């Protein structure tokens, strides 16, 4: 595993009225994102230099790693593809090793918008996990994908008593307690069933912050109708049944 280290200045900053701690790490899992990674990370470096980041190149078969190397991006270079759970866990271990107080999952495809990082970090002061939610103030569209989202929401409500409007959002912030829990706990990927498990077993306090997300403009998502349906079904069953055997 190749790692490029970087330092923080140890000071607090204020952005748009929100208190932002300097020990915030954006973890950017990337698998075959050569069409997006330069744009996404370049924008963070130029427009949001107050945030540290690390790209986790998840055994990409394209030029993702070479672009990171050429541009001098901070990255972990995994020799094999571990999938999202493994790549994010590698980033969390990096966050724990370097003493970060907050780790945020940030997509390499450009869908997540960095202007929402500050309010998410602010909300983390009173919570363990903060979700960048598309549906706090906005209604959910009527679609098969949102049917799956609603199903998972209902399963979490049934098993934990907690209503989460957007359980499938991938933009999540974790405090130091959750960083340690997720970095070293087995079978704790950044998924809705893990949220349910952490609420039920670890008394995790979860909040949501309204965000907007952009559409992917380059490359291909692994999610299509078939994989989305399979994912939603698997997550709903895991929340309802499988998590109780963890």
Protein backbone atom coordinates (compact mmCIF):
# COMPACT_ATOMS: atom_id res chain seq x y z
CA UNK A 1 0.00 0.00 0.00
CA UNK A 2 1.52 3.31 -1.03
CA UNK A 3 0.73 6.35 1.05
CA UNK A 4 1.55 10.00 0.60
CA UNK A 5 1.44 11.72 3.97
CA UNK A 6 0.37 15.27 4.61
CA UNK A 7 0.07 17.60 7.60
CA UNK A 8 -2.57 19.82 9.15
CA UNK A 9 -2.02 23.13 10.84
CA UNK A 10 -3.90 22.26 14.04
CA UNK A 11 -6.15 25.35 13.99
CA UNK A 12 -9.89 25.82 13.74
CA UNK A 13 -11.36 27.78 10.85
CA UNK A 14 -14.75 29.29 10.15
CA UNK A 15 -16.54 28.85 6.83
CA UNK A 16 -19.91 30.37 5.95
CA UNK A 17 -20.68 30.80 9.64
CA UNK A 18 -19.94 27.17 10.50
CA UNK A 19 -17.13 26.09 12.79
CA UNK A 20 -14.86 23.76 10.82
CA UNK A 21 -12.21 21.74 12.62
CA UNK A 22 -8.94 21.42 10.72
CA UNK A 23 -8.70 17.71 11.52
CA UNK A 24 -11.28 16.78 8.89
CA UNK A 25 -10.37 14.14 6.31
CA UNK A 26 -12.25 13.54 3.07
CA UNK A 27 -11.91 9.88 2.10
CA UNK A 28 -12.32 9.46 -1.66
CA UNK A 29 -12.61 5.79 -2.73
CA UNK A 30 -11.81 5.54 -6.44
CA UNK A 31 -12.14 2.59 -8.79
CA UNK A 32 -11.54 3.27 -12.49
CA UNK A 33 -12.21 7.00 -12.13
CA UNK A 34 -9.66 8.31 -14.61
CA UNK A 35 -12.31 10.51 -16.24
CA UNK A 36 -13.27 12.21 -12.96
CA UNK A 37 -10.48 12.09 -10.39
CA UNK A 38 -8.40 14.98 -11.73
CA UNK A 39 -11.41 17.29 -11.88
CA UNK A 40 -12.80 16.32 -8.45
CA UNK A 41 -9.55 16.45 -6.49
CA UNK A 42 -8.24 19.44 -8.40
CA UNK A 43 -11.37 21.36 -7.43
CA UNK A 44 -10.92 20.42 -3.77
CA UNK A 45 -7.30 21.54 -3.79
CA UNK A 46 -8.02 24.87 -5.47
CA UNK A 47 -11.38 25.82 -3.91
CA UNK A 48 -11.42 23.99 -0.55
CA UNK A 49 -7.80 23.79 0.63
CA UNK A 50 -8.96 23.91 4.28
CA UNK A 51 -9.91 20.23 4.03
CA UNK A 52 -7.45 17.37 3.97
CA UNK A 53 -8.24 14.47 1.69
CA UNK A 54 -6.92 11.08 0.69
CA UNK A 55 -7.82 9.24 -2.49
CA UNK A 56 -8.01 5.47 -2.01
CA UNK A 57 -7.23 3.96 -5.39
CA UNK A 58 -9.04 0.63 -5.13
CA UNK A 59 -6.94 -1.48 -7.48
CA UNK A 60 -8.10 0.46 -10.54
CA UNK A 61 -7.37 -1.06 -13.94
CA UNK A 62 -7.30 2.32 -15.67
CA UNK A 63 -5.07 5.39 -15.18
CA UNK A 64 -6.52 6.54 -11.85
CA UNK A 65 -3.30 5.82 -9.95
CA UNK A 66 -1.01 7.33 -12.58
CA UNK A 67 -3.08 10.52 -12.64
CA UNK A 68 -2.87 10.77 -8.84
CA UNK A 69 0.87 10.21 -9.00
CA UNK A 70 1.43 12.70 -11.81
CA UNK A 71 -0.65 15.40 -10.11
CA UNK A 72 0.88 14.79 -6.70
CA UNK A 73 -2.47 13.92 -5.16
CA UNK A 74 -2.50 12.38 -1.69
CA UNK A 75 -3.45 8.76 -2.17
CA UNK A 76 -3.34 5.20 -0.96
CA UNK A 77 -2.64 2.76 -3.75
CA UNK A 78 -4.31 -0.58 -3.03
CA UNK A 79 -2.74 -3.41 -5.06
CA UNK A 80 -6.07 -5.24 -5.52
CA UNK A 81 -9.70 -4.23 -5.72
CA UNK A 82 -11.30 -4.51 -2.26
CA UNK A 83 -14.65 -2.92 -3.10
CA UNK A 84 -16.15 0.13 -1.46
CA UNK A 85 -16.17 -1.34 2.06
CA UNK A 86 -12.50 -2.31 1.96
CA UNK A 87 -11.37 0.91 0.31
CA UNK A 88 -13.26 3.07 2.78
CA UNK A 89 -11.94 1.05 5.71
CA UNK A 90 -8.39 1.64 4.45
CA UNK A 91 -9.13 5.37 4.46
CA UNK A 92 -10.56 5.16 7.97
CA UNK A 93 -7.44 3.42 9.24
CA UNK A 94 -5.43 6.23 7.72
CA UNK A 95 -7.71 8.76 9.45
CA UNK A 96 -7.27 7.01 12.80
CA UNK A 97 -3.50 6.71 12.43
CA UNK A 98 -3.18 10.42 11.67
CA UNK A 99 -5.50 11.57 14.46
CA UNK A 100 -8.43 12.95 12.49
CA UNK A 101 -11.55 13.88 14.44
CA UNK A 102 -13.88 13.63 11.46
CA UNK A 103 -13.86 11.49 8.32
CA UNK A 104 -16.22 12.12 5.42
CA UNK A 105 -16.98 9.71 2.61
CA UNK A 106 -16.71 11.74 -0.60
CA UNK A 107 -17.40 10.30 -4.04
CA UNK A 108 -14.74 10.35 -6.73
CA UNK A 109 -17.31 10.77 -9.50
CA UNK A 110 -18.21 14.37 -8.67
CA UNK A 111 -21.72 13.74 -7.32
CA UNK A 112 -20.95 15.05 -3.83
CA UNK A 113 -20.73 18.82 -3.44
CA UNK A 114 -18.10 20.21 -1.04
CA UNK A 115 -20.14 23.25 0.03
CA UNK A 116 -22.10 20.91 2.32
CA UNK A 117 -19.04 19.70 4.22
CA UNK A 118 -19.08 22.64 6.66
CA UNK A 119 -22.70 22.19 7.87
CA UNK A 120 -22.14 18.44 8.14
CA UNK A 121 -19.07 18.96 10.30
CA UNK A 122 -20.99 21.49 12.42
CA UNK A 123 -23.78 18.96 12.98
CA UNK A 124 -21.20 16.35 13.98
CA UNK A 125 -20.48 18.33 17.17
CA UNK A 126 -23.61 16.81 18.72
CA UNK A 127 -23.74 13.54 16.78
CA UNK A 128 -21.66 10.50 15.89
CA UNK A 129 -22.76 10.28 12.24
CA UNK A 130 -24.12 12.97 9.94
CA UNK A 131 -25.72 12.03 6.62
CA UNK A 132 -25.77 14.39 3.66
CA UNK A 133 -29.44 13.79 2.91
CA UNK A 134 -31.31 14.67 -0.26
CA UNK A 135 -34.68 14.39 1.47
CA UNK A 136 -34.74 16.38 4.71
CA UNK A 137 -36.58 19.30 3.14
CA UNK A 138 -37.17 17.89 -0.35
CA UNK A 139 -39.73 15.19 -1.27
CA UNK A 140 -38.59 11.89 -2.69
CA UNK A 141 -39.33 11.31 -6.37
CA UNK A 142 -41.57 8.39 -7.27
CA UNK A 143 -39.38 5.70 -8.80
CA UNK A 144 -38.36 2.09 -8.26
CA UNK A 145 -35.07 3.25 -6.79
CA UNK A 146 -36.90 5.46 -4.29
CA UNK A 147 -39.18 2.53 -3.48
CA UNK A 148 -36.05 0.68 -2.37
CA UNK A 149 -34.90 3.72 -0.42
CA UNK A 150 -38.28 3.87 1.33
CA UNK A 151 -38.14 0.15 2.09
CA UNK A 152 -34.73 0.48 3.76
CA UNK A 153 -35.95 3.56 5.64
CA UNK A 154 -38.88 1.54 6.95
CA UNK A 155 -36.67 -1.39 8.00
CA UNK A 156 -34.35 0.94 9.93
CA UNK A 157 -37.34 2.53 11.62
CA UNK A 158 -38.72 -0.87 12.62
CA UNK A 159 -35.41 -2.19 14.00
CA UNK A 160 -34.02 0.96 15.63
CA UNK A 161 -36.91 3.37 16.11
CA UNK A 162 -34.90 5.99 14.21
CA UNK A 163 -36.25 7.67 11.07
CA UNK A 164 -33.57 8.27 8.45
CA UNK A 165 -34.87 10.02 5.36
CA UNK A 166 -31.99 9.11 3.05
CA UNK A 167 -30.33 5.90 4.27
CA UNK A 168 -28.69 5.19 0.90
CA UNK A 169 -26.84 8.51 0.68
CA UNK A 170 -23.12 7.88 0.37
CA UNK A 171 -22.11 11.26 1.75
CA UNK A 172 -21.61 10.62 5.45
CA UNK A 173 -19.47 12.17 8.17
CA UNK A 174 -18.16 10.17 11.13
CA UNK A 175 -16.68 11.38 14.42
CA UNK A 176 -13.61 9.89 16.05
CA UNK A 177 -15.56 7.22 17.95
CA UNK A 178 -17.13 5.99 14.73
CA UNK A 179 -13.81 6.20 12.85
CA UNK A 180 -12.33 3.70 15.29
CA UNK A 181 -15.43 1.51 15.25
CA UNK A 182 -15.56 1.30 11.45
CA UNK A 183 -11.81 1.13 10.85
CA UNK A 184 -11.31 -2.04 12.86
CA UNK A 185 -14.74 -3.65 13.10
CA UNK A 186 -15.38 -6.64 10.81
CA UNK A 187 -18.13 -6.46 8.19
CA UNK A 188 -18.88 -2.78 8.79
CA UNK A 189 -19.04 -1.26 5.34
CA UNK A 190 -20.41 2.24 4.70
CA UNK A 191 -23.91 0.94 4.05
CA UNK A 192 -27.45 1.37 5.50
CA UNK A 193 -27.27 -1.91 7.44
CA UNK A 194 -24.18 -0.63 9.22
CA UNK A 195 -26.06 2.54 10.16
CA UNK A 196 -28.80 0.41 11.70
CA UNK A 197 -26.24 -1.72 13.53
CA UNK A 198 -24.41 1.30 14.96
CA UNK A 199 -27.65 2.91 16.12
CA UNK A 200 -28.89 -0.28 17.76
CA UNK A 201 -25.68 -1.74 19.18
CA UNK A 202 -23.42 1.29 19.70
CA UNK A 203 -25.99 3.98 20.55
CA UNK A 204 -24.78 6.06 17.63
CA UNK A 205 -26.44 9.46 17.34
CA UNK A 206 -27.33 10.12 13.70
CA UNK A 207 -28.40 13.40 12.12
CA UNK A 208 -29.16 14.49 8.56
CA UNK A 209 -28.22 17.69 6.76
CA UNK A 210 -30.04 18.70 3.57
CA UNK A 211 -27.78 18.52 0.51
CA UNK A 212 -28.07 18.47 -3.26
CA UNK A 213 -26.08 16.07 -5.39
CA UNK A 214 -24.88 16.32 -8.96
CA UNK A 215 -25.20 13.69 -11.65
CA UNK A 216 -22.14 11.77 -12.73
CA UNK A 217 -20.84 13.46 -15.89
CA UNK A 218 -18.16 10.96 -16.93
CA UNK A 219 -17.42 7.28 -16.51
CA UNK A 220 -19.88 4.54 -15.61
CA UNK A 221 -21.55 3.73 -12.30
CA UNK A 222 -21.73 0.08 -11.28
CA UNK A 223 -25.37 0.68 -10.36
CA UNK A 224 -27.91 -0.13 -13.04
CA UNK A 225 -31.49 -1.34 -12.68
CA UNK A 226 -30.46 -4.93 -11.92
CA UNK A 227 -27.68 -4.10 -9.48
CA UNK A 228 -29.75 -1.35 -7.83
CA UNK A 229 -32.65 -3.76 -7.26
CA UNK A 230 -30.29 -6.40 -5.87
CA UNK A 231 -28.60 -3.85 -3.61
CA UNK A 232 -31.86 -2.48 -2.19
CA UNK A 233 -33.20 -5.99 -1.53
CA UNK A 234 -29.97 -7.12 0.12
CA UNK A 235 -29.79 -4.02 2.32
CA UNK A 236 -33.44 -4.31 3.42
CA UNK A 237 -32.95 -7.97 4.39
CA UNK A 238 -29.70 -7.19 6.16
CA UNK A 239 -31.26 -4.36 8.17
CA UNK A 240 -34.26 -6.50 9.11
CA UNK A 241 -32.55 -9.84 9.77
CA UNK A 242 -28.84 -10.33 9.21
CA UNK A 243 -27.56 -7.46 11.38
CA UNK A 244 -28.97 -9.20 14.47
CA UNK A 245 -26.37 -11.96 14.05
CA UNK A 246 -23.41 -9.58 14.00
